[in-house]
Amino acid sequence: MRPVEVCFLVSRDGAVLWADFGDSAASIPDSRARWEAIWRHRDALAIVAHSHPVGPRAFSEEDRSTMDALDAALGQPLGFVVAAPDGLAVRGVDEAALDGAWWIALLRRASGM
């Protein structure tokens, strides 16, 4: 399986509300369907997570501007997670609260890590 970026929308109780996949390891195209899913699930949405299956374990400049836009559009801060081969990058999430989060392993597997 070749590595690809994957995005999950995760609820407060840890359910994956939405998932979509990029076509490369370096990016995931913008998607109207993803934006509609974010809006539709806005009351339950807690975390927007995506993978960087070949690294880095960091948010890109595009990630940061998207996170800021989402927080502004929804009027509340969300949590954000990037899963990379060598660990997680997090914003607005207590990393200890992610211990044992089943969806992280699924995100890594779906990404080809």
Protein backbone atom coordinates (compact mmCIF):
# COMPACT_ATOMS: atom_id res chain seq x y z
CA MET A 1 0.00 0.00 0.00
CA ARG A 2 1.42 3.36 -0.96
CA PRO A 3 1.20 6.11 1.67
CA VAL A 4 -1.53 8.77 1.34
CA GLU A 5 -2.76 11.58 3.54
CA VAL A 6 -6.00 10.78 5.33
CA CYS A 7 -8.35 13.10 7.22
CA PHE A 8 -10.69 12.12 10.08
CA LEU A 9 -13.31 14.24 11.79
CA VAL A 10 -13.60 12.95 15.35
CA SER A 11 -16.39 13.58 17.87
CA ARG A 12 -16.04 14.38 21.56
CA ASP A 13 -16.73 10.73 22.39
CA GLY A 14 -14.10 9.44 19.95
CA ALA A 15 -16.34 8.42 17.05
CA VAL A 16 -15.03 8.99 13.54
CA LEU A 17 -17.71 11.16 11.95
CA TRP A 18 -16.12 11.49 8.50
CA ALA A 19 -13.06 10.27 6.67
CA ASP A 20 -11.49 11.08 3.34
CA PHE A 21 -8.29 10.30 1.55
CA GLY A 22 -5.78 12.17 -0.56
CA ASP A 23 -4.07 10.78 -3.60
CA SER A 24 -0.51 11.34 -2.39
CA ALA A 25 1.58 11.21 0.76
CA ALA A 26 2.21 14.95 0.63
CA SER A 27 -1.26 16.48 0.39
CA ILE A 28 -4.97 16.01 0.56
CA PRO A 29 -6.97 18.18 -1.82
CA ASP A 30 -9.52 20.62 -0.49
CA SER A 31 -12.97 19.08 -0.58
CA ARG A 32 -16.41 20.65 -0.54
CA ALA A 33 -17.72 17.38 0.92
CA ARG A 34 -15.25 17.70 3.83
CA TRP A 35 -16.31 21.30 4.53
CA GLU A 36 -19.97 20.24 4.44
CA ALA A 37 -19.23 17.37 6.84
CA ILE A 38 -17.47 19.78 9.22
CA TRP A 39 -20.49 22.08 9.16
CA ARG A 40 -23.00 19.22 9.47
CA HIS A 41 -21.16 17.73 12.47
CA ARG A 42 -20.15 21.05 14.06
CA ASP A 43 -22.05 20.39 17.31
CA ALA A 44 -20.32 17.05 17.93
CA LEU A 45 -16.96 17.75 16.26
CA ALA A 46 -13.98 17.89 18.61
CA ILE A 47 -10.89 17.00 16.56
CA VAL A 48 -9.79 17.34 12.96
CA ALA A 49 -7.00 14.84 12.44
CA HIS A 50 -4.91 14.07 9.41
CA SER A 51 -1.80 12.16 8.59
CA HIS A 52 1.62 13.03 7.26
CA PRO A 53 2.56 9.45 6.39
CA VAL A 54 6.11 10.35 5.37
CA GLY A 55 6.46 13.21 7.85
CA PRO A 56 6.98 15.72 9.16
CA ARG A 57 5.47 15.54 12.63
CA ALA A 58 4.37 19.17 12.39
CA PHE A 59 1.60 21.36 11.08
CA SER A 60 2.33 22.97 7.73
CA GLU A 61 1.62 26.64 7.06
CA GLU A 62 -1.46 25.55 5.10
CA ASP A 63 -2.55 23.40 8.08
CA ARG A 64 -2.21 26.38 10.43
CA SER A 65 -4.20 28.74 8.23
CA THR A 66 -6.92 26.09 7.79
CA MET A 67 -7.06 25.50 11.57
CA ASP A 68 -7.44 29.23 12.19
CA ALA A 69 -10.19 29.47 9.54
CA LEU A 70 -12.09 26.54 11.04
CA ASP A 71 -11.94 27.95 14.56
CA ALA A 72 -13.16 31.33 13.29
CA ALA A 73 -15.93 29.86 11.13
CA LEU A 74 -17.26 27.63 13.90
CA GLY A 75 -16.85 30.23 16.63
CA GLN A 76 -15.08 27.75 18.89
CA PRO A 77 -11.64 26.19 19.01
CA LEU A 78 -11.29 22.63 17.79
CA GLY A 79 -8.52 20.19 18.51
CA PHE A 80 -6.14 19.30 15.70
CA VAL A 81 -3.86 16.30 15.32
CA VAL A 82 -1.24 15.29 12.75
CA ALA A 83 -0.14 11.66 12.90
CA ALA A 84 3.34 11.06 11.50
CA PRO A 85 5.57 7.98 11.59
CA ASP A 86 7.49 9.33 14.59
CA GLY A 87 4.57 10.60 16.68
CA LEU A 88 1.82 13.18 16.90
CA ALA A 89 1.64 16.95 16.56
CA VAL A 90 -1.30 18.39 18.47
CA ARG A 91 -3.01 21.74 18.93
CA GLY A 92 -5.87 22.30 21.33
CA VAL A 93 -5.81 18.69 22.53
CA ASP A 94 -4.30 17.23 25.69
CA GLU A 95 -1.89 14.70 24.20
CA ALA A 96 -2.33 12.43 27.22
CA ALA A 97 -6.06 12.26 26.42
CA LEU A 98 -5.14 10.68 23.08
CA ASP A 99 -3.47 7.67 24.71
CA GLY A 100 -5.39 4.65 23.56
CA ALA A 101 -7.50 6.56 21.05
CA TRP A 102 -8.43 3.73 18.67
CA TRP A 103 -8.84 6.01 15.70
CA ILE A 104 -5.16 7.03 15.71
CA ALA A 105 -4.11 3.48 14.86
CA LEU A 106 -6.78 3.37 12.16
CA LEU A 107 -5.60 6.72 10.75
CA ARG A 108 -2.01 5.43 10.59
CA ARG A 109 -3.07 2.16 8.95
CA ALA A 110 -5.32 3.90 6.39
CA SER A 111 -2.40 6.21 5.56
CA GLY A 112 -0.05 3.31 4.84
CA MET A 113 2.20 3.89 7.85
